[in-house]
Amino acid sequence: MTPAELLTDALERVRDGVADAVEGLTTDQLAVRPDGRGNSMAWLVWHLTRVQDDHVADVAGHEQVWTADGYADRFGLPFDADDTGYGHSAEEMAHVRASADDLLAYARATHDRTVAWLATTGPDDLDRVVDERWDPPVTLGVRLVSVVNDATQHLGQAAYVRGLVVR
């Protein structure tokens, strides 16, 4: 198994988990926030997809699916097009309302773009420095593992919230 195949497998599990978390739920159910201030499933799935889209587009050198494929307009959120949700306040999180269909479409499109690009990478690419703002500088391999880690954490949170909403 190549590193690209390994990362693809991990991201396919995220894609499938996103579907499990949101399919069959209404927009109102997806917007439920534990204790009225916690992360909703809609925000969690939107955010994990935005982070993957943003980070992979940056290292791949292509436009984000969010803007290139019109999802920023489709979702109509009151944020800048480059906003990924990082650092959002509870009030900002409340603005993320979306249907399961829209969340799934964006997640699938981002996944497809990511795995198509991953197929073009080789093991030696993983050592390429992609961000020198850190000490030590971040390599492509570290950045991609970070994307998978962030996605799985937020996916687990979305699954937990679903369990609170659907009993």
Protein backbone atom coordinates (compact mmCIF):
# COMPACT_ATOMS: atom_id res chain seq x y z
CA MET A 1 0.00 0.00 0.00
CA THR A 2 1.35 3.40 -0.94
CA PRO A 3 1.06 6.43 1.33
CA ALA A 4 -1.50 7.90 -1.09
CA GLU A 5 -3.58 4.72 -0.86
CA LEU A 6 -3.36 4.79 2.94
CA LEU A 7 -4.51 8.41 3.10
CA THR A 8 -7.26 7.70 0.58
CA ASP A 9 -8.53 4.84 2.73
CA ALA A 10 -8.60 7.08 5.80
CA LEU A 11 -10.46 9.81 3.91
CA GLU A 12 -12.95 7.31 2.46
CA ARG A 13 -13.80 6.36 6.03
CA VAL A 14 -14.41 10.03 6.78
CA ARG A 15 -16.61 10.36 3.68
CA ASP A 16 -18.66 7.32 4.72
CA GLY A 17 -18.88 8.54 8.31
CA VAL A 18 -20.18 11.92 7.17
CA ALA A 19 -22.99 10.15 5.33
CA ASP A 20 -23.77 8.06 8.41
CA ALA A 21 -23.86 11.19 10.57
CA VAL A 22 -26.22 13.32 8.47
CA GLU A 23 -28.28 11.18 6.10
CA GLY A 24 -31.98 11.16 6.84
CA LEU A 25 -31.90 14.18 9.14
CA THR A 26 -33.74 17.44 8.65
CA THR A 27 -32.09 20.83 8.56
CA ASP A 28 -33.52 21.51 12.02
CA GLN A 29 -32.12 18.26 13.41
CA LEU A 30 -28.71 19.03 11.91
CA ALA A 31 -28.78 22.45 13.59
CA VAL A 32 -29.37 21.11 17.12
CA ARG A 33 -26.64 22.34 19.46
CA PRO A 34 -26.12 20.45 22.73
CA ASP A 35 -26.93 22.77 25.62
CA GLY A 36 -27.81 25.43 23.06
CA ARG A 37 -24.16 26.44 22.58
CA GLY A 38 -22.30 23.30 21.47
CA ASN A 39 -21.33 22.34 17.95
CA SER A 40 -24.18 21.24 15.73
CA MET A 41 -23.83 18.37 13.26
CA ALA A 42 -24.20 20.89 10.43
CA TRP A 43 -21.35 23.03 11.74
CA LEU A 44 -19.11 20.03 12.47
CA VAL A 45 -19.52 18.49 9.01
CA TRP A 46 -19.24 21.86 7.27
CA HIS A 47 -16.10 22.68 9.27
CA LEU A 48 -14.33 19.35 8.78
CA THR A 49 -15.03 19.59 5.05
CA ARG A 50 -13.90 23.22 4.88
CA VAL A 51 -10.61 22.35 6.61
CA GLN A 52 -9.96 19.45 4.23
CA ASP A 53 -10.89 21.58 1.21
CA ASP A 54 -8.77 24.54 2.36
CA HIS A 55 -5.69 22.56 3.36
CA VAL A 56 -5.63 20.22 0.37
CA ALA A 57 -6.30 23.00 -2.14
CA ASP A 58 -3.40 24.92 -0.64
CA VAL A 59 -0.87 22.09 -0.91
CA ALA A 60 -2.21 20.91 -4.28
CA GLY A 61 -2.20 24.39 -5.77
CA HIS A 62 -5.80 24.40 -6.91
CA GLU A 63 -8.89 26.44 -6.07
CA GLN A 64 -11.06 25.22 -3.23
CA VAL A 65 -14.17 23.23 -4.11
CA TRP A 66 -16.07 25.66 -1.85
CA THR A 67 -15.61 28.51 -4.32
CA ALA A 68 -14.78 26.71 -7.58
CA ASP A 69 -17.95 24.60 -7.51
CA GLY A 70 -20.27 27.25 -6.08
CA TYR A 71 -20.80 25.81 -2.62
CA ALA A 72 -20.06 29.15 -0.94
CA ASP A 73 -23.04 30.63 -2.81
CA ARG A 74 -25.18 27.52 -2.34
CA PHE A 75 -24.73 27.55 1.45
CA GLY A 76 -25.14 31.33 1.66
CA LEU A 77 -23.30 31.69 4.97
CA PRO A 78 -22.44 35.13 6.33
CA PHE A 79 -18.70 34.42 6.35
CA ASP A 80 -15.83 35.29 4.06
CA ALA A 81 -15.29 32.68 1.35
CA ASP A 82 -12.01 31.61 2.95
CA ASP A 83 -13.54 31.02 6.40
CA THR A 84 -13.15 27.41 7.58
CA GLY A 85 -14.83 27.83 10.94
CA TYR A 86 -11.58 27.82 12.89
CA GLY A 87 -12.08 29.94 16.01
CA HIS A 88 -15.81 30.44 15.50
CA SER A 89 -17.76 31.68 18.48
CA ALA A 90 -20.97 29.99 19.57
CA GLU A 91 -22.90 32.76 17.85
CA GLU A 92 -21.03 32.25 14.57
CA MET A 93 -21.60 28.50 14.71
CA ALA A 94 -25.34 29.11 14.92
CA HIS A 95 -25.27 30.58 11.40
CA VAL A 96 -24.35 27.24 9.86
CA ARG A 97 -27.64 25.70 8.81
CA ALA A 98 -27.64 23.33 5.89
CA SER A 99 -29.52 20.36 4.52
CA ALA A 100 -28.08 16.87 4.64
CA ASP A 101 -28.05 16.91 0.82
CA ASP A 102 -25.94 20.08 0.68
CA LEU A 103 -23.52 18.87 3.37
CA LEU A 104 -23.12 15.52 1.63
CA ALA A 105 -22.67 17.05 -1.81
CA TYR A 106 -19.94 19.38 -0.58
CA ALA A 107 -18.21 16.63 1.41
CA ARG A 108 -18.30 14.22 -1.54
CA ALA A 109 -17.05 16.81 -4.01
CA THR A 110 -14.19 17.72 -1.67
CA HIS A 111 -13.38 14.05 -1.13
CA ASP A 112 -13.35 13.36 -4.87
CA ARG A 113 -11.04 16.31 -5.56
CA THR A 114 -8.75 15.25 -2.70
CA VAL A 115 -8.37 11.61 -3.71
CA ALA A 116 -7.87 12.53 -7.38
CA TRP A 117 -4.99 14.77 -6.33
CA LEU A 118 -3.60 12.20 -3.86
CA ALA A 119 -3.35 9.72 -6.74
CA THR A 120 -0.82 12.04 -8.35
CA THR A 121 1.47 12.11 -5.31
CA GLY A 122 4.32 9.78 -4.51
CA PRO A 123 6.09 8.84 -1.28
CA ASP A 124 8.86 11.40 -1.86
CA ASP A 125 6.27 14.20 -2.03
CA LEU A 126 5.40 13.71 1.64
CA ASP A 127 8.69 15.27 2.72
CA ARG A 128 8.05 18.51 0.80
CA VAL A 129 7.79 21.49 3.15
CA VAL A 130 4.39 23.14 2.69
CA ASP A 131 4.33 25.61 5.60
CA GLU A 132 7.39 27.34 6.99
CA ARG A 133 5.48 29.31 9.63
CA TRP A 134 6.05 26.51 12.14
CA ASP A 135 9.15 25.19 13.88
CA PRO A 136 9.84 22.68 12.58
CA PRO A 137 8.34 23.51 9.19
CA VAL A 138 5.30 21.43 8.20
CA THR A 139 5.73 18.80 5.51
CA LEU A 140 3.03 17.57 3.16
CA GLY A 141 2.83 14.29 5.07
CA VAL A 142 2.31 16.06 8.38
CA ARG A 143 -0.30 18.38 6.87
CA LEU A 144 -2.29 15.48 5.39
CA VAL A 145 -2.21 13.51 8.65
CA SER A 146 -3.41 16.68 10.39
CA VAL A 147 -6.36 16.90 7.97
CA VAL A 148 -7.31 13.28 8.65
CA ASN A 149 -6.95 13.78 12.42
CA ASP A 150 -9.11 16.93 12.43
CA ALA A 151 -11.75 15.27 10.27
CA THR A 152 -12.01 12.14 12.41
CA GLN A 153 -12.26 14.13 15.63
CA HIS A 154 -15.07 16.29 14.30
CA LEU A 155 -16.80 13.31 12.71
CA GLY A 156 -16.83 11.56 16.08
CA GLN A 157 -18.37 14.66 17.62
CA ALA A 158 -21.05 14.74 14.90
CA ALA A 159 -21.86 11.08 15.52
CA TYR A 160 -22.18 11.81 19.23
CA VAL A 161 -24.56 14.73 18.59
CA ARG A 162 -26.61 12.54 16.25
CA GLY A 163 -27.01 10.08 19.12
CA LEU A 164 -28.40 12.90 21.26
CA VAL A 165 -30.83 14.01 18.56
CA VAL A 166 -32.00 10.64 17.20
CA ARG A 167 -33.06 8.34 20.00
